[in-house]
Amino acid sequence: MTRPNLIFTRGGDDSLHPTWLAADGPARSWDLHVSYFGKGEKPACADVDGVSFTRDEARFKWGGMRVCLDKQPFDLSKYEYIAFPDDDIVVATEGWNRAFALMKRYDLSAAQLALHPHSYYTINMTLQRPGTRLRYTNYTESMVPLARTEVFAHAAQYFGDPQSSWGIDYVIAHRVKDKPKSQAILDAVPALHTRAHGVSPMYKDMTGGGLDYYQQEAAFLARLGLARVDRTTLGALDLQGREIADIAMLKRPLVLPRALRASRSVRGATRILSIHDPQEKLERAIRLVAPRDI
C-alpha cells in the first residue's frame, strides 16, 4: 500500500528514524525511505511495513540523496508531499501525521517542523513559539523540511552540487515566494534536534576546498542567480486557527534557548541523545515532542 506522503532521509547506524515509527502509535499517512550509509547490512526498522532503503555512499546529505534519487527507488509522482529531514531528529509518529495534514489543510508549498526549545539550533526563528499553530514565513530551514513533491523535485536537481549544503533553503524560498502564505513553520508539531551543528563529517567536506560555509553558500547561489532572503515572519495562526493580528512578539528571539545553547557550548556538549541511549531516555524525548492539540 502506497501512502499519500513520503519521508526521505539519509540514515546511518545512529539515525533516530526509529523514533518516528512507534510500534503502538497511530496509523501512518506516510512511507519512509532511508538512504543508508551505515556499516550494517541494513538500517534499523528496514522490515517495517512501508519502509524501504537503498545503500548510498556519500559524505553529505544532499549528495547522498542525489545518488539515491538517481537509482529511482520510489515513484515521486505517487506522493503529494515529501519530508526530507536530517537523521538526528526526534519526532513523534503522530507529529509527522499532523505535519502532513497541516500542509494539505493550509495549502502549503513548503514548511518545517518547529524546533523544540531544548534543541540544538542556529536560527532562533525556527524555534517553537507558544500559543501558535503555525507561522507564515518567507524562509524554512532544511533540517526538518516538508514540501510539495514538485517543490522537492525542483530543489533536488541541485542536490549533487557539493556547495549546495546551505543553499537549498533559498532555492525553496525562491521557488514558492510568489504564492502568498505558502511557506510556514509548524509550531503545532515540534521536533527535537539532538546534535550540534558543525560536528558531522559533512562540515569537514564543506571546508575542504578552502572556502568557509558562507562563501560556499554564496558561490552556489551566485551560480543559480539567486540571493539570500531577509528571513522574517509574515503572519501566524493561533491554536484555534485564527489569524493573529499583532505578530511583533512572535518576531522577537527566544531568550532561554540562547542560554541553553551557551551552556552546552561551555560544556563542549555535542549531543542530547543517540539511538544507543536507554529506551527510557528515548521515550522521554518522544513525549517531549508530542504535537499540540489543535
C-alpha atoms as a PDB file:
ATOM      1  CA  MET A   1       0.000   0.000   0.000  1.00  0.00           C
ATOM      2  CA  THR A   2       1.400   3.379  -1.017  1.00  0.00           C
ATOM      3  CA  ARG A   3       0.548   6.148   1.415  1.00  0.00           C
ATOM      4  CA  PRO A   4      -0.026   9.726   0.206  1.00  0.00           C
ATOM      5  CA  ASN A   5       3.183  11.151   1.690  1.00  0.00           C
ATOM      6  CA  LEU A   6       6.856  10.186   1.886  1.00  0.00           C
ATOM      7  CA  ILE A   7       9.623  10.814   4.396  1.00  0.00           C
ATOM      8  CA  PHE A   8      13.000  10.561   2.684  1.00  0.00           C
ATOM      9  CA  THR A   9      16.054  10.661   4.925  1.00  0.00           C
ATOM     10  CA  ARG A  10      19.731   9.871   4.980  1.00  0.00           C
ATOM     11  CA  GLY A  11      20.450   7.470   7.814  1.00  0.00           C
ATOM     12  CA  GLY A  12      23.486   5.925   9.450  1.00  0.00           C
ATOM     13  CA  ASP A  13      23.744   3.499  12.352  1.00  0.00           C
ATOM     14  CA  ASP A  14      22.968   6.280  14.860  1.00  0.00           C
ATOM     15  CA  SER A  15      19.964   7.509  12.894  1.00  0.00           C
ATOM     16  CA  LEU A  16      16.948   8.410  15.028  1.00  0.00           C
ATOM     17  CA  HIS A  17      14.375   7.486  12.404  1.00  0.00           C
ATOM     18  CA  PRO A  18      13.190   4.557  14.596  1.00  0.00           C
ATOM     19  CA  THR A  19      11.656   7.158  16.936  1.00  0.00           C
ATOM     20  CA  TRP A  20       9.327   8.140  14.090  1.00  0.00           C
ATOM     21  CA  LEU A  21       7.955   4.592  13.874  1.00  0.00           C
ATOM     22  CA  ALA A  22       6.327   3.937  17.240  1.00  0.00           C
ATOM     23  CA  ALA A  23       5.104   0.327  17.215  1.00  0.00           C
ATOM     24  CA  ASP A  24       1.972   1.189  19.182  1.00  0.00           C
ATOM     25  CA  GLY A  25       1.410   4.566  17.530  1.00  0.00           C
ATOM     26  CA  PRO A  26      -1.317   5.690  15.150  1.00  0.00           C
ATOM     27  CA  ALA A  27      -1.580   4.550  11.562  1.00  0.00           C
ATOM     28  CA  ARG A  28       0.902   6.441   9.412  1.00  0.00           C
ATOM     29  CA  SER A  29      -0.021   8.670   6.492  1.00  0.00           C
ATOM     30  CA  TRP A  30       3.486   8.306   5.069  1.00  0.00           C
ATOM     31  CA  ASP A  31       6.035   5.857   3.753  1.00  0.00           C
ATOM     32  CA  LEU A  32       9.684   6.073   4.772  1.00  0.00           C
ATOM     33  CA  HIS A  33      12.749   5.610   2.579  1.00  0.00           C
ATOM     34  CA  VAL A  34      16.192   5.557   4.195  1.00  0.00           C
ATOM     35  CA  SER A  35      19.238   6.368   2.090  1.00  0.00           C
ATOM     36  CA  TYR A  36      21.565   4.265   4.226  1.00  0.00           C
ATOM     37  CA  PHE A  37      25.279   4.914   4.768  1.00  0.00           C
ATOM     38  CA  GLY A  38      25.921   2.837   7.889  1.00  0.00           C
ATOM     39  CA  LYS A  39      28.141  -0.176   8.423  1.00  0.00           C
ATOM     40  CA  GLY A  40      25.413  -2.757   8.901  1.00  0.00           C
ATOM     41  CA  GLU A  41      23.575  -4.844   6.354  1.00  0.00           C
ATOM     42  CA  LYS A  42      20.543  -2.568   6.523  1.00  0.00           C
ATOM     43  CA  PRO A  43      19.197   0.320   8.623  1.00  0.00           C
ATOM     44  CA  ALA A  44      17.068  -0.120  11.714  1.00  0.00           C
ATOM     45  CA  CYS A  45      13.364  -0.779  11.049  1.00  0.00           C
ATOM     46  CA  ALA A  46      14.044  -1.796   7.447  1.00  0.00           C
ATOM     47  CA  ASP A  47      11.495  -4.613   7.748  1.00  0.00           C
ATOM     48  CA  VAL A  48       8.627  -2.405   8.935  1.00  0.00           C
ATOM     49  CA  ASP A  49       5.692  -2.066   6.549  1.00  0.00           C
ATOM     50  CA  GLY A  50       6.075   0.989   4.337  1.00  0.00           C
ATOM     51  CA  VAL A  51       9.821   1.325   4.995  1.00  0.00           C
ATOM     52  CA  SER A  52      12.371   0.866   2.222  1.00  0.00           C
ATOM     53  CA  PHE A  53      16.074   1.593   1.892  1.00  0.00           C
ATOM     54  CA  THR A  54      18.982   1.841  -0.501  1.00  0.00           C
ATOM     55  CA  ARG A  55      22.682   1.880   0.313  1.00  0.00           C
ATOM     56  CA  ASP A  56      24.087   5.180  -0.915  1.00  0.00           C
ATOM     57  CA  GLU A  57      27.662   6.089  -0.091  1.00  0.00           C
ATOM     58  CA  ALA A  58      28.230   9.841   0.070  1.00  0.00           C
ATOM     59  CA  ARG A  59      29.562  12.224   2.687  1.00  0.00           C
ATOM     60  CA  PHE A  60      26.882  14.896   2.827  1.00  0.00           C
ATOM     61  CA  LYS A  61      23.088  14.910   2.969  1.00  0.00           C
ATOM     62  CA  TRP A  62      22.191  16.298  -0.421  1.00  0.00           C
ATOM     63  CA  GLY A  63      24.852  14.358  -2.298  1.00  0.00           C
ATOM     64  CA  GLY A  64      23.661  11.086  -0.784  1.00  0.00           C
ATOM     65  CA  MET A  65      20.066  11.904  -1.614  1.00  0.00           C
ATOM     66  CA  ARG A  66      21.028  12.701  -5.205  1.00  0.00           C
ATOM     67  CA  VAL A  67      22.813   9.356  -5.537  1.00  0.00           C
ATOM     68  CA  CYS A  68      19.706   7.673  -4.150  1.00  0.00           C
ATOM     69  CA  LEU A  69      17.247   9.535  -6.405  1.00  0.00           C
ATOM     70  CA  ASP A  70      19.277   8.633  -9.486  1.00  0.00           C
ATOM     71  CA  LYS A  71      18.533   4.977  -8.679  1.00  0.00           C
ATOM     72  CA  GLN A  72      14.783   5.772  -8.736  1.00  0.00           C
ATOM     73  CA  PRO A  73      13.953   3.600  -5.696  1.00  0.00           C
ATOM     74  CA  PHE A  74      10.460   5.084  -5.445  1.00  0.00           C
ATOM     75  CA  ASP A  75       7.989   6.870  -7.689  1.00  0.00           C
ATOM     76  CA  LEU A  76       7.804  10.507  -6.605  1.00  0.00           C
ATOM     77  CA  SER A  77       4.645  11.069  -8.623  1.00  0.00           C
ATOM     78  CA  LYS A  78       2.714   8.814  -6.215  1.00  0.00           C
ATOM     79  CA  TYR A  79       3.250  11.219  -3.325  1.00  0.00           C
ATOM     80  CA  GLU A  80       1.674  14.603  -2.655  1.00  0.00           C
ATOM     81  CA  TYR A  81       4.199  15.794  -0.078  1.00  0.00           C
ATOM     82  CA  ILE A  82       7.793  14.866   0.731  1.00  0.00           C
ATOM     83  CA  ALA A  83       9.576  15.392   4.043  1.00  0.00           C
ATOM     84  CA  PHE A  84      13.380  15.202   3.869  1.00  0.00           C
ATOM     85  CA  PRO A  85      14.733  15.623   7.415  1.00  0.00           C
ATOM     86  CA  ASP A  86      18.144  15.066   8.943  1.00  0.00           C
ATOM     87  CA  ASP A  87      18.649  11.767  10.762  1.00  0.00           C
ATOM     88  CA  ASP A  88      19.343  13.287  14.203  1.00  0.00           C
ATOM     89  CA  ILE A  89      15.753  14.406  14.740  1.00  0.00           C
ATOM     90  CA  VAL A  90      13.213  13.045  17.236  1.00  0.00           C
ATOM     91  CA  VAL A  91       9.607  13.357  16.036  1.00  0.00           C
ATOM     92  CA  ALA A  92       6.522  11.505  17.218  1.00  0.00           C
ATOM     93  CA  THR A  93       4.673   9.323  14.694  1.00  0.00           C
ATOM     94  CA  GLU A  94       1.588  11.480  15.158  1.00  0.00           C
ATOM     95  CA  GLY A  95       3.780  14.534  14.706  1.00  0.00           C
ATOM     96  CA  TRP A  96       4.603  13.586  11.143  1.00  0.00           C
ATOM     97  CA  ASN A  97       0.933  12.748  10.503  1.00  0.00           C
ATOM     98  CA  ARG A  98      -0.095  16.145  11.843  1.00  0.00           C
ATOM     99  CA  ALA A  99       2.557  17.953   9.801  1.00  0.00           C
ATOM    100  CA  PHE A 100       1.394  16.443   6.526  1.00  0.00           C
ATOM    101  CA  ALA A 101      -2.226  17.198   7.440  1.00  0.00           C
ATOM    102  CA  LEU A 102      -1.351  20.854   8.091  1.00  0.00           C
ATOM    103  CA  MET A 103       0.443  21.058   4.740  1.00  0.00           C
ATOM    104  CA  LYS A 104      -2.734  19.967   2.995  1.00  0.00           C
ATOM    105  CA  ARG A 105      -5.185  21.933   5.161  1.00  0.00           C
ATOM    106  CA  TYR A 106      -3.388  25.251   4.604  1.00  0.00           C
ATOM    107  CA  ASP A 107      -2.278  24.560   1.035  1.00  0.00           C
ATOM    108  CA  LEU A 108       1.388  24.982   1.917  1.00  0.00           C
ATOM    109  CA  SER A 109       4.116  24.518  -0.668  1.00  0.00           C
ATOM    110  CA  ALA A 110       6.943  24.279   1.864  1.00  0.00           C
ATOM    111  CA  ALA A 111       7.192  24.080   5.630  1.00  0.00           C
ATOM    112  CA  GLN A 112       9.299  22.869   8.505  1.00  0.00           C
ATOM    113  CA  LEU A 113       8.544  21.411  11.901  1.00  0.00           C
ATOM    114  CA  ALA A 114       9.289  23.923  14.645  1.00  0.00           C
ATOM    115  CA  LEU A 115      12.322  23.022  16.731  1.00  0.00           C
ATOM    116  CA  HIS A 116      11.576  22.258  20.364  1.00  0.00           C
ATOM    117  CA  PRO A 117      13.294  24.924  22.528  1.00  0.00           C
ATOM    118  CA  HIS A 118      15.599  22.259  24.003  1.00  0.00           C
ATOM    119  CA  SER A 119      17.035  21.602  20.539  1.00  0.00           C
ATOM    120  CA  TYR A 120      20.404  22.476  19.126  1.00  0.00           C
ATOM    121  CA  TYR A 121      19.651  25.290  16.684  1.00  0.00           C
ATOM    122  CA  THR A 122      21.222  28.054  14.620  1.00  0.00           C
ATOM    123  CA  ILE A 123      18.238  30.227  13.613  1.00  0.00           C
ATOM    124  CA  ASN A 124      16.112  31.441  16.513  1.00  0.00           C
ATOM    125  CA  MET A 125      13.093  31.958  14.242  1.00  0.00           C
ATOM    126  CA  THR A 126      12.829  28.186  13.750  1.00  0.00           C
ATOM    127  CA  LEU A 127      12.199  27.518  17.472  1.00  0.00           C
ATOM    128  CA  GLN A 128       8.666  26.644  18.567  1.00  0.00           C
ATOM    129  CA  ARG A 129       6.613  29.620  19.786  1.00  0.00           C
ATOM    130  CA  PRO A 130       3.947  29.244  22.481  1.00  0.00           C
ATOM    131  CA  GLY A 131       0.276  29.649  21.605  1.00  0.00           C
ATOM    132  CA  THR A 132       0.565  29.289  17.842  1.00  0.00           C
ATOM    133  CA  ARG A 133      -0.441  26.648  15.327  1.00  0.00           C
ATOM    134  CA  LEU A 134       1.865  27.921  12.602  1.00  0.00           C
ATOM    135  CA  ARG A 135       3.770  30.988  11.480  1.00  0.00           C
ATOM    136  CA  TYR A 136       3.833  32.071   7.856  1.00  0.00           C
ATOM    137  CA  THR A 137       7.397  32.905   6.813  1.00  0.00           C
ATOM    138  CA  ASN A 138       9.490  33.626   3.737  1.00  0.00           C
ATOM    139  CA  TYR A 139      12.076  31.009   4.747  1.00  0.00           C
ATOM    140  CA  THR A 140      12.212  27.498   6.189  1.00  0.00           C
ATOM    141  CA  GLU A 141      15.354  25.634   7.187  1.00  0.00           C
ATOM    142  CA  SER A 142      16.169  22.310   5.541  1.00  0.00           C
ATOM    143  CA  MET A 143      16.747  20.472   8.825  1.00  0.00           C
ATOM    144  CA  VAL A 144      13.168  19.192   9.216  1.00  0.00           C
ATOM    145  CA  PRO A 145      11.562  20.302   5.939  1.00  0.00           C
ATOM    146  CA  LEU A 146       8.434  19.289   4.059  1.00  0.00           C
ATOM    147  CA  ALA A 147       7.438  20.335   0.557  1.00  0.00           C
ATOM    148  CA  ARG A 148       5.047  19.600  -2.245  1.00  0.00           C
ATOM    149  CA  THR A 149       6.550  16.958  -4.491  1.00  0.00           C
ATOM    150  CA  GLU A 150       7.010  19.499  -7.288  1.00  0.00           C
ATOM    151  CA  VAL A 151       8.948  21.840  -4.992  1.00  0.00           C
ATOM    152  CA  PHE A 152      11.089  18.987  -3.697  1.00  0.00           C
ATOM    153  CA  ALA A 153      11.848  17.806  -7.246  1.00  0.00           C
ATOM    154  CA  HIS A 154      12.881  21.333  -8.236  1.00  0.00           C
ATOM    155  CA  ALA A 155      15.301  21.575  -5.306  1.00  0.00           C
ATOM    156  CA  ALA A 156      16.573  18.014  -5.790  1.00  0.00           C
ATOM    157  CA  GLN A 157      18.100  18.827  -9.173  1.00  0.00           C
ATOM    158  CA  TYR A 158      20.782  20.769  -7.266  1.00  0.00           C
ATOM    159  CA  PHE A 159      21.498  18.138  -4.586  1.00  0.00           C
ATOM    160  CA  GLY A 160      24.572  16.859  -6.415  1.00  0.00           C
ATOM    161  CA  ASP A 161      26.357  20.216  -6.181  1.00  0.00           C
ATOM    162  CA  PRO A 162      28.942  19.889  -3.380  1.00  0.00           C
ATOM    163  CA  GLN A 163      28.351  23.527  -2.405  1.00  0.00           C
ATOM    164  CA  SER A 164      24.585  23.136  -2.037  1.00  0.00           C
ATOM    165  CA  SER A 165      24.534  22.214   1.665  1.00  0.00           C
ATOM    166  CA  TRP A 166      23.472  25.649   2.914  1.00  0.00           C
ATOM    167  CA  GLY A 167      21.819  26.896  -0.269  1.00  0.00           C
ATOM    168  CA  ILE A 168      18.869  24.543  -0.740  1.00  0.00           C
ATOM    169  CA  ASP A 169      16.837  26.560   1.805  1.00  0.00           C
ATOM    170  CA  TYR A 170      16.992  29.549  -0.538  1.00  0.00           C
ATOM    171  CA  VAL A 171      16.263  27.509  -3.662  1.00  0.00           C
ATOM    172  CA  ILE A 172      12.985  26.511  -2.000  1.00  0.00           C
ATOM    173  CA  ALA A 173      12.265  30.028  -0.713  1.00  0.00           C
ATOM    174  CA  HIS A 174      12.605  31.481  -4.205  1.00  0.00           C
ATOM    175  CA  ARG A 175      10.520  28.710  -5.738  1.00  0.00           C
ATOM    176  CA  VAL A 176       7.476  29.483  -3.576  1.00  0.00           C
ATOM    177  CA  LYS A 177       7.886  33.244  -2.988  1.00  0.00           C
ATOM    178  CA  ASP A 178       5.191  34.306  -5.467  1.00  0.00           C
ATOM    179  CA  LYS A 179       2.458  32.342  -3.697  1.00  0.00           C
ATOM    180  CA  PRO A 180       1.227  34.202  -0.577  1.00  0.00           C
ATOM    181  CA  LYS A 181       1.291  32.263   2.690  1.00  0.00           C
ATOM    182  CA  SER A 182       2.728  29.181   1.029  1.00  0.00           C
ATOM    183  CA  GLN A 183       5.579  28.622   3.491  1.00  0.00           C
ATOM    184  CA  ALA A 184       5.319  28.119   7.244  1.00  0.00           C
ATOM    185  CA  ILE A 185       6.933  26.947  10.458  1.00  0.00           C
ATOM    186  CA  LEU A 186       4.609  24.412  12.095  1.00  0.00           C
ATOM    187  CA  ASP A 187       4.552  25.307  15.785  1.00  0.00           C
ATOM    188  CA  ALA A 188       1.868  22.690  16.467  1.00  0.00           C
ATOM    189  CA  VAL A 189       4.403  19.995  15.569  1.00  0.00           C
ATOM    190  CA  PRO A 190       7.744  20.199  17.416  1.00  0.00           C
ATOM    191  CA  ALA A 191      10.895  18.270  16.592  1.00  0.00           C
ATOM    192  CA  LEU A 192      13.933  17.784  18.812  1.00  0.00           C
ATOM    193  CA  HIS A 193      17.257  18.351  17.037  1.00  0.00           C
ATOM    194  CA  THR A 194      19.757  16.325  19.044  1.00  0.00           C
ATOM    195  CA  ARG A 195      23.179  17.087  17.552  1.00  0.00           C
ATOM    196  CA  ALA A 196      25.217  20.261  17.500  1.00  0.00           C
ATOM    197  CA  HIS A 197      25.955  21.922  14.193  1.00  0.00           C
ATOM    198  CA  GLY A 198      29.402  21.558  12.691  1.00  0.00           C
ATOM    199  CA  VAL A 199      30.254  18.141  14.167  1.00  0.00           C
ATOM    200  CA  SER A 200      29.234  15.823  11.321  1.00  0.00           C
ATOM    201  CA  PRO A 201      31.652  14.692   8.566  1.00  0.00           C
ATOM    202  CA  MET A 202      29.681  16.846   6.106  1.00  0.00           C
ATOM    203  CA  TYR A 203      31.152  20.004   7.590  1.00  0.00           C
ATOM    204  CA  LYS A 204      34.705  18.754   7.141  1.00  0.00           C
ATOM    205  CA  ASP A 205      33.938  18.132   3.478  1.00  0.00           C
ATOM    206  CA  MET A 206      32.355  21.553   3.089  1.00  0.00           C
ATOM    207  CA  THR A 207      35.507  23.351   4.231  1.00  0.00           C
ATOM    208  CA  GLY A 208      37.943  21.065   2.431  1.00  0.00           C
ATOM    209  CA  GLY A 209      38.179  23.349  -0.591  1.00  0.00           C
ATOM    210  CA  GLY A 210      39.396  26.345   1.368  1.00  0.00           C
ATOM    211  CA  LEU A 211      36.067  28.211   1.485  1.00  0.00           C
ATOM    212  CA  ASP A 212      34.031  28.613   4.640  1.00  0.00           C
ATOM    213  CA  TYR A 213      30.327  27.724   4.817  1.00  0.00           C
ATOM    214  CA  TYR A 214      29.109  31.208   3.910  1.00  0.00           C
ATOM    215  CA  GLN A 215      31.472  31.516   0.954  1.00  0.00           C
ATOM    216  CA  GLN A 216      30.319  28.172  -0.424  1.00  0.00           C
ATOM    217  CA  GLU A 217      26.686  29.157   0.008  1.00  0.00           C
ATOM    218  CA  ALA A 218      27.354  32.461  -1.779  1.00  0.00           C
ATOM    219  CA  ALA A 219      29.105  30.705  -4.668  1.00  0.00           C
ATOM    220  CA  PHE A 220      26.260  28.217  -5.034  1.00  0.00           C
ATOM    221  CA  LEU A 221      23.565  30.908  -5.049  1.00  0.00           C
ATOM    222  CA  ALA A 222      25.541  33.069  -7.465  1.00  0.00           C
ATOM    223  CA  ARG A 223      25.684  30.235  -9.995  1.00  0.00           C
ATOM    224  CA  LEU A 224      21.900  29.944  -9.794  1.00  0.00           C
ATOM    225  CA  GLY A 225      21.324  33.691  -9.916  1.00  0.00           C
ATOM    226  CA  LEU A 226      19.627  33.639  -6.503  1.00  0.00           C
ATOM    227  CA  ALA A 227      20.059  35.745  -3.396  1.00  0.00           C
ATOM    228  CA  ARG A 228      19.684  35.107   0.311  1.00  0.00           C
ATOM    229  CA  VAL A 229      16.375  36.317   1.740  1.00  0.00           C
ATOM    230  CA  ASP A 230      15.864  38.512   4.770  1.00  0.00           C
ATOM    231  CA  ARG A 231      14.222  35.892   6.994  1.00  0.00           C
ATOM    232  CA  THR A 232      11.030  37.141   8.598  1.00  0.00           C
ATOM    233  CA  THR A 233       7.622  36.149   9.969  1.00  0.00           C
ATOM    234  CA  LEU A 234       4.751  37.247   7.720  1.00  0.00           C
ATOM    235  CA  GLY A 235       1.747  36.143   9.786  1.00  0.00           C
ATOM    236  CA  ALA A 236       0.530  33.494  12.218  1.00  0.00           C
ATOM    237  CA  LEU A 237      -2.420  31.414  13.365  1.00  0.00           C
ATOM    238  CA  ASP A 238      -3.270  30.762  16.998  1.00  0.00           C
ATOM    239  CA  LEU A 239      -4.084  27.304  18.347  1.00  0.00           C
ATOM    240  CA  GLN A 240      -7.712  27.711  17.271  1.00  0.00           C
ATOM    241  CA  GLY A 241      -6.614  28.542  13.721  1.00  0.00           C
ATOM    242  CA  ARG A 242      -7.439  32.253  13.937  1.00  0.00           C
ATOM    243  CA  GLU A 243      -5.239  34.935  12.382  1.00  0.00           C
ATOM    244  CA  ILE A 244      -3.019  36.708  14.916  1.00  0.00           C
ATOM    245  CA  ALA A 245      -3.284  40.436  14.228  1.00  0.00           C
ATOM    246  CA  ASP A 246      -0.145  41.581  16.044  1.00  0.00           C
ATOM    247  CA  ILE A 247       2.851  39.381  15.305  1.00  0.00           C
ATOM    248  CA  ALA A 248       5.510  41.693  16.756  1.00  0.00           C
ATOM    249  CA  MET A 249       6.076  39.441  19.770  1.00  0.00           C
ATOM    250  CA  LEU A 250       6.478  36.411  17.506  1.00  0.00           C
ATOM    251  CA  LYS A 251       9.398  38.103  15.764  1.00  0.00           C
ATOM    252  CA  ARG A 252      11.379  38.525  18.975  1.00  0.00           C
ATOM    253  CA  PRO A 253      14.105  35.931  19.660  1.00  0.00           C
ATOM    254  CA  LEU A 254      13.505  33.419  22.443  1.00  0.00           C
ATOM    255  CA  VAL A 255      15.954  34.008  25.291  1.00  0.00           C
ATOM    256  CA  LEU A 256      16.029  30.720  27.233  1.00  0.00           C
ATOM    257  CA  PRO A 257      17.193  28.596  24.260  1.00  0.00           C
ATOM    258  CA  ARG A 258      20.079  31.039  23.838  1.00  0.00           C
ATOM    259  CA  ALA A 259      21.125  30.432  27.436  1.00  0.00           C
ATOM    260  CA  LEU A 260      20.874  26.669  26.955  1.00  0.00           C
ATOM    261  CA  ARG A 261      22.993  26.858  23.821  1.00  0.00           C
ATOM    262  CA  ALA A 262      25.639  28.907  25.608  1.00  0.00           C
ATOM    263  CA  SER A 263      25.750  26.388  28.459  1.00  0.00           C
ATOM    264  CA  ARG A 264      26.245  23.491  26.052  1.00  0.00           C
ATOM    265  CA  SER A 265      28.996  25.375  24.278  1.00  0.00           C
ATOM    266  CA  VAL A 266      30.870  25.918  27.546  1.00  0.00           C
ATOM    267  CA  ARG A 267      30.494  22.229  28.445  1.00  0.00           C
ATOM    268  CA  GLY A 268      31.530  21.060  24.974  1.00  0.00           C
ATOM    269  CA  ALA A 269      28.318  19.048  24.628  1.00  0.00           C
ATOM    270  CA  THR A 270      27.558  17.899  21.079  1.00  0.00           C
ATOM    271  CA  ARG A 271      24.584  15.540  21.506  1.00  0.00           C
ATOM    272  CA  ILE A 272      21.375  15.347  23.504  1.00  0.00           C
ATOM    273  CA  LEU A 273      20.914  11.629  22.890  1.00  0.00           C
ATOM    274  CA  SER A 274      21.626   8.918  20.343  1.00  0.00           C
ATOM    275  CA  ILE A 275      19.961   5.709  19.243  1.00  0.00           C
ATOM    276  CA  HIS A 276      22.234   3.892  21.723  1.00  0.00           C
ATOM    277  CA  ASP A 277      20.680   5.617  24.724  1.00  0.00           C
ATOM    278  CA  PRO A 278      18.436   3.608  27.048  1.00  0.00           C
ATOM    279  CA  GLN A 279      14.877   3.187  25.826  1.00  0.00           C
ATOM    280  CA  GLU A 280      13.540   5.246  28.712  1.00  0.00           C
ATOM    281  CA  LYS A 281      15.506   8.297  27.562  1.00  0.00           C
ATOM    282  CA  LEU A 282      14.224   7.928  24.007  1.00  0.00           C
ATOM    283  CA  GLU A 283      10.669   7.612  25.278  1.00  0.00           C
ATOM    284  CA  ARG A 284      11.067  10.806  27.304  1.00  0.00           C
ATOM    285  CA  ALA A 285      12.298  12.597  24.197  1.00  0.00           C
ATOM    286  CA  ILE A 286       9.317  11.351  22.197  1.00  0.00           C
ATOM    287  CA  ARG A 287       6.925  12.604  24.888  1.00  0.00           C
ATOM    288  CA  LEU A 288       8.691  15.952  24.711  1.00  0.00           C
ATOM    289  CA  VAL A 289       7.753  16.342  21.048  1.00  0.00           C
ATOM    290  CA  ALA A 290       4.087  15.341  21.326  1.00  0.00           C
ATOM    291  CA  PRO A 291       2.141  17.575  18.897  1.00  0.00           C
ATOM    292  CA  ARG A 292      -0.081  20.275  20.335  1.00  0.00           C
ATOM    293  CA  ASP A 293      -3.835  19.812  20.483  1.00  0.00           C
ATOM    294  CA  ILE A 294      -5.465  21.919  17.800  1.00  0.00           C
END
